[in-house]
Amino acid sequence: EAIQQIRARNPDTHIIAISAGMGNMPADDVV
């Protein structure tokens, strides 16, 4: 949700997502 809001407010900001995953969702799928 934060990425979506940041993109809407300032599309020039560069975003790098990081994750360890959660439950049955592997980190690679999340990123």
PDB file of all heavy atoms in Angstrom:
ATOM      1  N   GLU A   1       0.834  -1.210   0.000  1.00  0.00           N
ATOM      2  CA  GLU A   1       0.000   0.000   0.000  1.00  0.00           C
ATOM      3  C   GLU A   1       0.868   1.259   0.000  1.00  0.00           C
ATOM      4  O   GLU A   1       0.577   2.225  -0.700  1.00  0.00           O
ATOM      5  CB  GLU A   1      -0.935   0.009   1.207  1.00  0.00           C
ATOM      6  CG  GLU A   1      -1.873   1.205   1.202  1.00  0.00           C
ATOM      7  CD  GLU A   1      -2.830   1.222   2.381  1.00  0.00           C
ATOM      8  OE1 GLU A   1      -2.948   0.201   3.096  1.00  0.00           O
ATOM      9  OE2 GLU A   1      -3.464   2.265   2.582  1.00  0.00           O
ATOM     10  N   ALA A   2       1.947   1.234   0.771  1.00  0.00           N
ATOM     11  CA  ALA A   2       2.833   2.403   0.815  1.00  0.00           C
ATOM     12  C   ALA A   2       3.460   2.668  -0.557  1.00  0.00           C
ATOM     13  O   ALA A   2       3.540   3.827  -0.989  1.00  0.00           O
ATOM     14  CB  ALA A   2       3.923   2.198   1.868  1.00  0.00           C
ATOM     15  N   ILE A   3       3.890   1.623  -1.242  1.00  0.00           N
ATOM     16  CA  ILE A   3       4.473   1.793  -2.576  1.00  0.00           C
ATOM     17  C   ILE A   3       3.449   2.424  -3.514  1.00  0.00           C
ATOM     18  O   ILE A   3       3.774   3.356  -4.260  1.00  0.00           O
ATOM     19  CB  ILE A   3       4.986   0.443  -3.131  1.00  0.00           C
ATOM     20  CG1 ILE A   3       6.225  -0.007  -2.355  1.00  0.00           C
ATOM     21  CG2 ILE A   3       5.300   0.554  -4.635  1.00  0.00           C
ATOM     22  CD1 ILE A   3       6.636  -1.447  -2.615  1.00  0.00           C
ATOM     23  N   GLN A   4       2.219   1.946  -3.461  1.00  0.00           N
ATOM     24  CA  GLN A   4       1.185   2.512  -4.324  1.00  0.00           C
ATOM     25  C   GLN A   4       0.948   3.994  -4.015  1.00  0.00           C
ATOM     26  O   GLN A   4       0.829   4.812  -4.920  1.00  0.00           O
ATOM     27  CB  GLN A   4      -0.119   1.722  -4.164  1.00  0.00           C
ATOM     28  CG  GLN A   4      -0.020   0.332  -4.746  1.00  0.00           C
ATOM     29  CD  GLN A   4      -1.223  -0.530  -4.416  1.00  0.00           C
ATOM     30  OE1 GLN A   4      -1.771  -0.484  -3.319  1.00  0.00           O
ATOM     31  NE2 GLN A   4      -1.639  -1.332  -5.389  1.00  0.00           N
ATOM     32  N   GLN A   5       0.919   4.347  -2.746  1.00  0.00           N
ATOM     33  CA  GLN A   5       0.693   5.746  -2.367  1.00  0.00           C
ATOM     34  C   GLN A   5       1.893   6.627  -2.726  1.00  0.00           C
ATOM     35  O   GLN A   5       1.724   7.754  -3.172  1.00  0.00           O
ATOM     36  CB  GLN A   5       0.355   5.859  -0.890  1.00  0.00           C
ATOM     37  CG  GLN A   5      -1.024   5.320  -0.588  1.00  0.00           C
ATOM     38  CD  GLN A   5      -1.518   5.725   0.781  1.00  0.00           C
ATOM     39  OE1 GLN A   5      -1.173   6.779   1.297  1.00  0.00           O
ATOM     40  NE2 GLN A   5      -2.340   4.876   1.376  1.00  0.00           N
ATOM     41  N   ILE A   6       3.097   6.107  -2.529  1.00  0.00           N
ATOM     42  CA  ILE A   6       4.296   6.873  -2.894  1.00  0.00           C
ATOM     43  C   ILE A   6       4.299   7.125  -4.395  1.00  0.00           C
ATOM     44  O   ILE A   6       4.572   8.233  -4.857  1.00  0.00           O
ATOM     45  CB  ILE A   6       5.577   6.142  -2.441  1.00  0.00           C
ATOM     46  CG1 ILE A   6       5.676   6.142  -0.913  1.00  0.00           C
ATOM     47  CG2 ILE A   6       6.822   6.779  -3.072  1.00  0.00           C
ATOM     48  CD1 ILE A   6       6.682   5.156  -0.360  1.00  0.00           C
ATOM     49  N   ARG A   7       3.991   6.108  -5.179  1.00  0.00           N
ATOM     50  CA  ARG A   7       3.945   6.259  -6.641  1.00  0.00           C
ATOM     51  C   ARG A   7       2.922   7.321  -7.043  1.00  0.00           C
ATOM     52  O   ARG A   7       3.155   8.103  -7.950  1.00  0.00           O
ATOM     53  CB  ARG A   7       3.577   4.932  -7.312  1.00  0.00           C
ATOM     54  CG  ARG A   7       4.729   4.032  -7.502  1.00  0.00           C
ATOM     55  CD  ARG A   7       5.632   4.533  -8.630  1.00  0.00           C
ATOM     56  NE  ARG A   7       6.872   3.807  -8.591  1.00  0.00           N
ATOM     57  CZ  ARG A   7       8.041   4.320  -8.238  1.00  0.00           C
ATOM     58  NH1 ARG A   7       8.151   5.574  -7.922  1.00  0.00           N
ATOM     59  NH2 ARG A   7       9.123   3.586  -8.233  1.00  0.00           N
ATOM     60  N   ALA A   8       1.773   7.343  -6.365  1.00  0.00           N
ATOM     61  CA  ALA A   8       0.733   8.325  -6.691  1.00  0.00           C
ATOM     62  C   ALA A   8       1.162   9.737  -6.310  1.00  0.00           C
ATOM     63  O   ALA A   8       0.850  10.704  -7.009  1.00  0.00           O
ATOM     64  CB  ALA A   8      -0.567   7.962  -5.975  1.00  0.00           C
ATOM     65  N   ARG A   9       1.913   9.882  -5.229  1.00  0.00           N
ATOM     66  CA  ARG A   9       2.298  11.202  -4.716  1.00  0.00           C
ATOM     67  C   ARG A   9       3.569  11.744  -5.354  1.00  0.00           C
ATOM     68  O   ARG A   9       3.723  12.945  -5.521  1.00  0.00           O
ATOM     69  CB  ARG A   9       2.478  11.142  -3.200  1.00  0.00           C
ATOM     70  CG  ARG A   9       1.193  10.844  -2.484  1.00  0.00           C
ATOM     71  CD  ARG A   9       1.433  10.611  -1.014  1.00  0.00           C
ATOM     72  NE  ARG A   9       0.181  10.209  -0.377  1.00  0.00           N
ATOM     73  CZ  ARG A   9      -0.083  10.422   0.891  1.00  0.00           C
ATOM     74  NH1 ARG A   9       0.797  11.033   1.666  1.00  0.00           N
ATOM     75  NH2 ARG A   9      -1.226  10.034   1.388  1.00  0.00           N
ATOM     76  N   ASN A  10       4.514  10.850  -5.626  1.00  0.00           N
ATOM     77  CA  ASN A  10       5.776  11.289  -6.200  1.00  0.00           C
ATOM     78  C   ASN A  10       6.333  10.167  -7.073  1.00  0.00           C
ATOM     79  O   ASN A  10       7.125   9.346  -6.613  1.00  0.00           O
ATOM     80  CB  ASN A  10       6.783  11.674  -5.111  1.00  0.00           C
ATOM     81  CG  ASN A  10       8.013  12.324  -5.691  1.00  0.00           C
ATOM     82  OD1 ASN A  10       8.329  12.154  -6.863  1.00  0.00           O
ATOM     83  ND2 ASN A  10       8.730  13.068  -4.880  1.00  0.00           N
ATOM     84  N   PRO A  11       5.931  10.144  -8.336  1.00  0.00           N
ATOM     85  CA  PRO A  11       6.347   9.034  -9.206  1.00  0.00           C
ATOM     86  C   PRO A  11       7.846   8.991  -9.495  1.00  0.00           C
ATOM     87  O   PRO A  11       8.338   7.976  -9.973  1.00  0.00           O
ATOM     88  CB  PRO A  11       5.553   9.272 -10.492  1.00  0.00           C
ATOM     89  CG  PRO A  11       5.022  10.643 -10.408  1.00  0.00           C
ATOM     90  CD  PRO A  11       5.017  11.063  -8.983  1.00  0.00           C
ATOM     91  N   ASP A  12       8.580  10.036  -9.175  1.00  0.00           N
ATOM     92  CA  ASP A  12      10.018  10.054  -9.448  1.00  0.00           C
ATOM     93  C   ASP A  12      10.855   9.407  -8.350  1.00  0.00           C
ATOM     94  O   ASP A  12      12.047   9.175  -8.529  1.00  0.00           O
ATOM     95  CB  ASP A  12      10.498  11.492  -9.664  1.00  0.00           C
ATOM     96  CG  ASP A  12       9.880  12.114 -10.902  1.00  0.00           C
ATOM     97  OD1 ASP A  12       9.574  11.361 -11.855  1.00  0.00           O
ATOM     98  OD2 ASP A  12       9.695  13.343 -10.917  1.00  0.00           O
ATOM     99  N   THR A  13      10.247   9.138  -7.202  1.00  0.00           N
ATOM    100  CA  THR A  13      10.992   8.501  -6.116  1.00  0.00           C
ATOM    101  C   THR A  13      11.292   7.059  -6.499  1.00  0.00           C
ATOM    102  O   THR A  13      10.425   6.334  -6.971  1.00  0.00           O
ATOM    103  CB  THR A  13      10.171   8.519  -4.809  1.00  0.00           C
ATOM    104  OG1 THR A  13       9.929   9.879  -4.439  1.00  0.00           O
ATOM    105  CG2 THR A  13      10.914   7.831  -3.683  1.00  0.00           C
ATOM    106  N   HIS A  14      12.520   6.647  -6.303  1.00  0.00           N
ATOM    107  CA  HIS A  14      12.920   5.268  -6.595  1.00  0.00           C
ATOM    108  C   HIS A  14      12.644   4.407  -5.368  1.00  0.00           C
ATOM    109  O   HIS A  14      12.975   4.790  -4.245  1.00  0.00           O
ATOM    110  CB  HIS A  14      14.397   5.202  -6.965  1.00  0.00           C
ATOM    111  CG  HIS A  14      14.707   5.964  -8.203  1.00  0.00           C
ATOM    112  ND1 HIS A  14      14.330   5.544  -9.459  1.00  0.00           N
ATOM    113  CD2 HIS A  14      15.351   7.141  -8.386  1.00  0.00           C
ATOM    114  CE1 HIS A  14      14.720   6.411 -10.355  1.00  0.00           C
ATOM    115  NE2 HIS A  14      15.342   7.394  -9.728  1.00  0.00           N
ATOM    116  N   ILE A  15      12.047   3.256  -5.596  1.00  0.00           N
ATOM    117  CA  ILE A  15      11.661   2.376  -4.501  1.00  0.00           C
ATOM    118  C   ILE A  15      12.294   1.006  -4.700  1.00  0.00           C
ATOM    119  O   ILE A  15      12.189   0.411  -5.774  1.00  0.00           O
ATOM    120  CB  ILE A  15      10.129   2.217  -4.427  1.00  0.00           C
ATOM    121  CG1 ILE A  15       9.459   3.592  -4.266  1.00  0.00           C
ATOM    122  CG2 ILE A  15       9.745   1.274  -3.283  1.00  0.00           C
ATOM    123  CD1 ILE A  15       7.961   3.551  -4.451  1.00  0.00           C
ATOM    124  N   ILE A  16      12.930   0.515  -3.640  1.00  0.00           N
ATOM    125  CA  ILE A  16      13.479  -0.833  -3.625  1.00  0.00           C
ATOM    126  C   ILE A  16      12.730  -1.597  -2.541  1.00  0.00           C
ATOM    127  O   ILE A  16      12.771  -1.228  -1.363  1.00  0.00           O
ATOM    128  CB  ILE A  16      14.992  -0.831  -3.343  1.00  0.00           C
ATOM    129  CG1 ILE A  16      15.738  -0.079  -4.445  1.00  0.00           C
ATOM    130  CG2 ILE A  16      15.511  -2.267  -3.207  1.00  0.00           C
ATOM    131  CD1 ILE A  16      17.222   0.108  -4.187  1.00  0.00           C
ATOM    132  N   ALA A  17      12.005  -2.639  -2.932  1.00  0.00           N
ATOM    133  CA  ALA A  17      11.231  -3.454  -2.001  1.00  0.00           C
ATOM    134  C   ALA A  17      12.102  -4.574  -1.452  1.00  0.00           C
ATOM    135  O   ALA A  17      12.926  -5.136  -2.179  1.00  0.00           O
ATOM    136  CB  ALA A  17      10.014  -4.043  -2.710  1.00  0.00           C
ATOM    137  N   ILE A  18      11.903  -4.876  -0.165  1.00  0.00           N
ATOM    138  CA  ILE A  18      12.616  -5.988   0.465  1.00  0.00           C
ATOM    139  C   ILE A  18      11.611  -6.818   1.264  1.00  0.00           C
ATOM    140  O   ILE A  18      10.630  -6.286   1.777  1.00  0.00           O
ATOM    141  CB  ILE A  18      13.775  -5.516   1.366  1.00  0.00           C
ATOM    142  CG1 ILE A  18      13.287  -4.579   2.469  1.00  0.00           C
ATOM    143  CG2 ILE A  18      14.859  -4.849   0.530  1.00  0.00           C
ATOM    144  CD1 ILE A  18      14.353  -4.165   3.473  1.00  0.00           C
ATOM    145  N   SER A  19      11.845  -8.123   1.348  1.00  0.00           N
ATOM    146  CA  SER A  19      10.930  -8.972   2.101  1.00  0.00           C
ATOM    147  C   SER A  19      11.572 -10.314   2.436  1.00  0.00           C
ATOM    148  O   SER A  19      12.373 -10.835   1.671  1.00  0.00           O
ATOM    149  CB  SER A  19       9.646  -9.223   1.301  1.00  0.00           C
ATOM    150  OG  SER A  19       8.748 -10.009   2.070  1.00  0.00           O
ATOM    151  N   ALA A  20      11.149 -10.839   3.573  1.00  0.00           N
ATOM    152  CA  ALA A  20      11.532 -12.196   3.960  1.00  0.00           C
ATOM    153  C   ALA A  20      10.400 -13.171   3.660  1.00  0.00           C
ATOM    154  O   ALA A  20      10.493 -14.349   3.962  1.00  0.00           O
ATOM    155  CB  ALA A  20      11.877 -12.239   5.448  1.00  0.00           C
ATOM    156  N   GLY A  21       9.318 -12.645   3.063  1.00  0.00           N
ATOM    157  CA  GLY A  21       8.147 -13.481   2.816  1.00  0.00           C
ATOM    158  C   GLY A  21       7.315 -13.578   4.074  1.00  0.00           C
ATOM    159  O   GLY A  21       7.622 -12.979   5.096  1.00  0.00           O
ATOM    160  N   MET A  22       6.218 -14.322   3.970  1.00  0.00           N
ATOM    161  CA  MET A  22       5.369 -14.502   5.150  1.00  0.00           C
ATOM    162  C   MET A  22       4.528 -15.755   4.962  1.00  0.00           C
ATOM    163  O   MET A  22       3.920 -15.942   3.905  1.00  0.00           O
ATOM    164  CB  MET A  22       4.465 -13.302   5.362  1.00  0.00           C
ATOM    165  CG  MET A  22       3.567 -13.444   6.575  1.00  0.00           C
ATOM    166  SD  MET A  22       2.614 -11.981   6.929  1.00  0.00           S
ATOM    167  CE  MET A  22       3.787 -11.096   7.927  1.00  0.00           C
ATOM    168  N   GLY A  23       4.521 -16.595   5.976  1.00  0.00           N
ATOM    169  CA  GLY A  23       3.726 -17.815   5.909  1.00  0.00           C
ATOM    170  C   GLY A  23       4.096 -18.642   4.697  1.00  0.00           C
ATOM    171  O   GLY A  23       5.253 -19.002   4.504  1.00  0.00           O
ATOM    172  N   ASN A  24       3.112 -18.906   3.850  1.00  0.00           N
ATOM    173  CA  ASN A  24       3.345 -19.700   2.645  1.00  0.00           C
ATOM    174  C   ASN A  24       3.790 -18.877   1.452  1.00  0.00           C
ATOM    175  O   ASN A  24       3.934 -19.417   0.356  1.00  0.00           O
ATOM    176  CB  ASN A  24       2.065 -20.476   2.274  1.00  0.00           C
ATOM    177  CG  ASN A  24       1.754 -21.559   3.281  1.00  0.00           C
ATOM    178  OD1 ASN A  24       2.640 -22.066   3.949  1.00  0.00           O
ATOM    179  ND2 ASN A  24       0.489 -21.908   3.407  1.00  0.00           N
ATOM    180  N   MET A  25       3.972 -17.568   1.631  1.00  0.00           N
ATOM    181  CA  MET A  25       4.401 -16.699   0.529  1.00  0.00           C
ATOM    182  C   MET A  25       5.913 -16.552   0.541  1.00  0.00           C
ATOM    183  O   MET A  25       6.462 -15.895   1.425  1.00  0.00           O
ATOM    184  CB  MET A  25       3.765 -15.316   0.653  1.00  0.00           C
ATOM    185  CG  MET A  25       2.423 -15.218   0.011  1.00  0.00           C
ATOM    186  SD  MET A  25       1.937 -13.497  -0.179  1.00  0.00           S
ATOM    187  CE  MET A  25       1.297 -13.176   1.430  1.00  0.00           C
ATOM    188  N   PRO A  26       6.600 -17.151  -0.417  1.00  0.00           N
ATOM    189  CA  PRO A  26       8.054 -17.005  -0.475  1.00  0.00           C
ATOM    190  C   PRO A  26       8.456 -15.552  -0.767  1.00  0.00           C
ATOM    191  O   PRO A  26       7.745 -14.824  -1.471  1.00  0.00           O
ATOM    192  CB  PRO A  26       8.468 -17.920  -1.629  1.00  0.00           C
ATOM    193  CG  PRO A  26       7.282 -18.772  -1.937  1.00  0.00           C
ATOM    194  CD  PRO A  26       6.084 -18.038  -1.461  1.00  0.00           C
ATOM    195  N   ALA A  27       9.589 -15.165  -0.238  1.00  0.00           N
ATOM    196  CA  ALA A  27      10.078 -13.798  -0.416  1.00  0.00           C
ATOM    197  C   ALA A  27      10.194 -13.405  -1.881  1.00  0.00           C
ATOM    198  O   ALA A  27       9.862 -12.278  -2.259  1.00  0.00           O
ATOM    199  CB  ALA A  27      11.423 -13.637   0.290  1.00  0.00           C
ATOM    200  N   ASP A  28      10.646 -14.312  -2.720  1.00  0.00           N
ATOM    201  CA  ASP A  28      10.801 -13.981  -4.142  1.00  0.00           C
ATOM    202  C   ASP A  28       9.466 -13.611  -4.781  1.00  0.00           C
ATOM    203  O   ASP A  28       9.394 -12.692  -5.595  1.00  0.00           O
ATOM    204  CB  ASP A  28      11.453 -15.137  -4.903  1.00  0.00           C
ATOM    205  CG  ASP A  28      12.916 -15.324  -4.551  1.00  0.00           C
ATOM    206  OD1 ASP A  28      13.561 -14.337  -4.144  1.00  0.00           O
ATOM    207  OD2 ASP A  28      13.417 -16.455  -4.688  1.00  0.00           O
ATOM    208  N   ASP A  29       8.408 -14.300  -4.400  1.00  0.00           N
ATOM    209  CA  ASP A  29       7.083 -13.977  -4.928  1.00  0.00           C
ATOM    210  C   ASP A  29       6.623 -12.607  -4.441  1.00  0.00           C
ATOM    211  O   ASP A  29       6.009 -11.843  -5.179  1.00  0.00           O
ATOM    212  CB  ASP A  29       6.053 -15.035  -4.522  1.00  0.00           C
ATOM    213  CG  ASP A  29       6.275 -16.373  -5.219  1.00  0.00           C
ATOM    214  OD1 ASP A  29       7.065 -16.424  -6.199  1.00  0.00           O
ATOM    215  OD2 ASP A  29       5.664 -17.365  -4.784  1.00  0.00           O
ATOM    216  N   VAL A  30       6.908 -12.313  -3.187  1.00  0.00           N
ATOM    217  CA  VAL A  30       6.500 -11.036  -2.604  1.00  0.00           C
ATOM    218  C   VAL A  30       7.203  -9.874  -3.301  1.00  0.00           C
ATOM    219  O   VAL A  30       6.565  -8.890  -3.682  1.00  0.00           O
ATOM    220  CB  VAL A  30       6.785 -11.007  -1.082  1.00  0.00           C
ATOM    221  CG1 VAL A  30       6.528  -9.626  -0.499  1.00  0.00           C
ATOM    222  CG2 VAL A  30       5.957 -12.068  -0.365  1.00  0.00           C
ATOM    223  N   VAL A  31       8.510  -9.984  -3.507  1.00  0.00           N
ATOM    224  CA  VAL A  31       9.223  -8.865  -4.143  1.00  0.00           C
ATOM    225  C   VAL A  31       8.838  -8.738  -5.616  1.00  0.00           C
ATOM    226  O   VAL A  31       8.776  -7.620  -6.140  1.00  0.00           O
ATOM    227  CB  VAL A  31      10.760  -8.930  -3.948  1.00  0.00           C
ATOM    228  CG1 VAL A  31      11.117  -8.774  -2.473  1.00  0.00           C
ATOM    229  CG2 VAL A  31      11.368 -10.186  -4.495  1.00  0.00           C
TER     230      VAL A  31
END
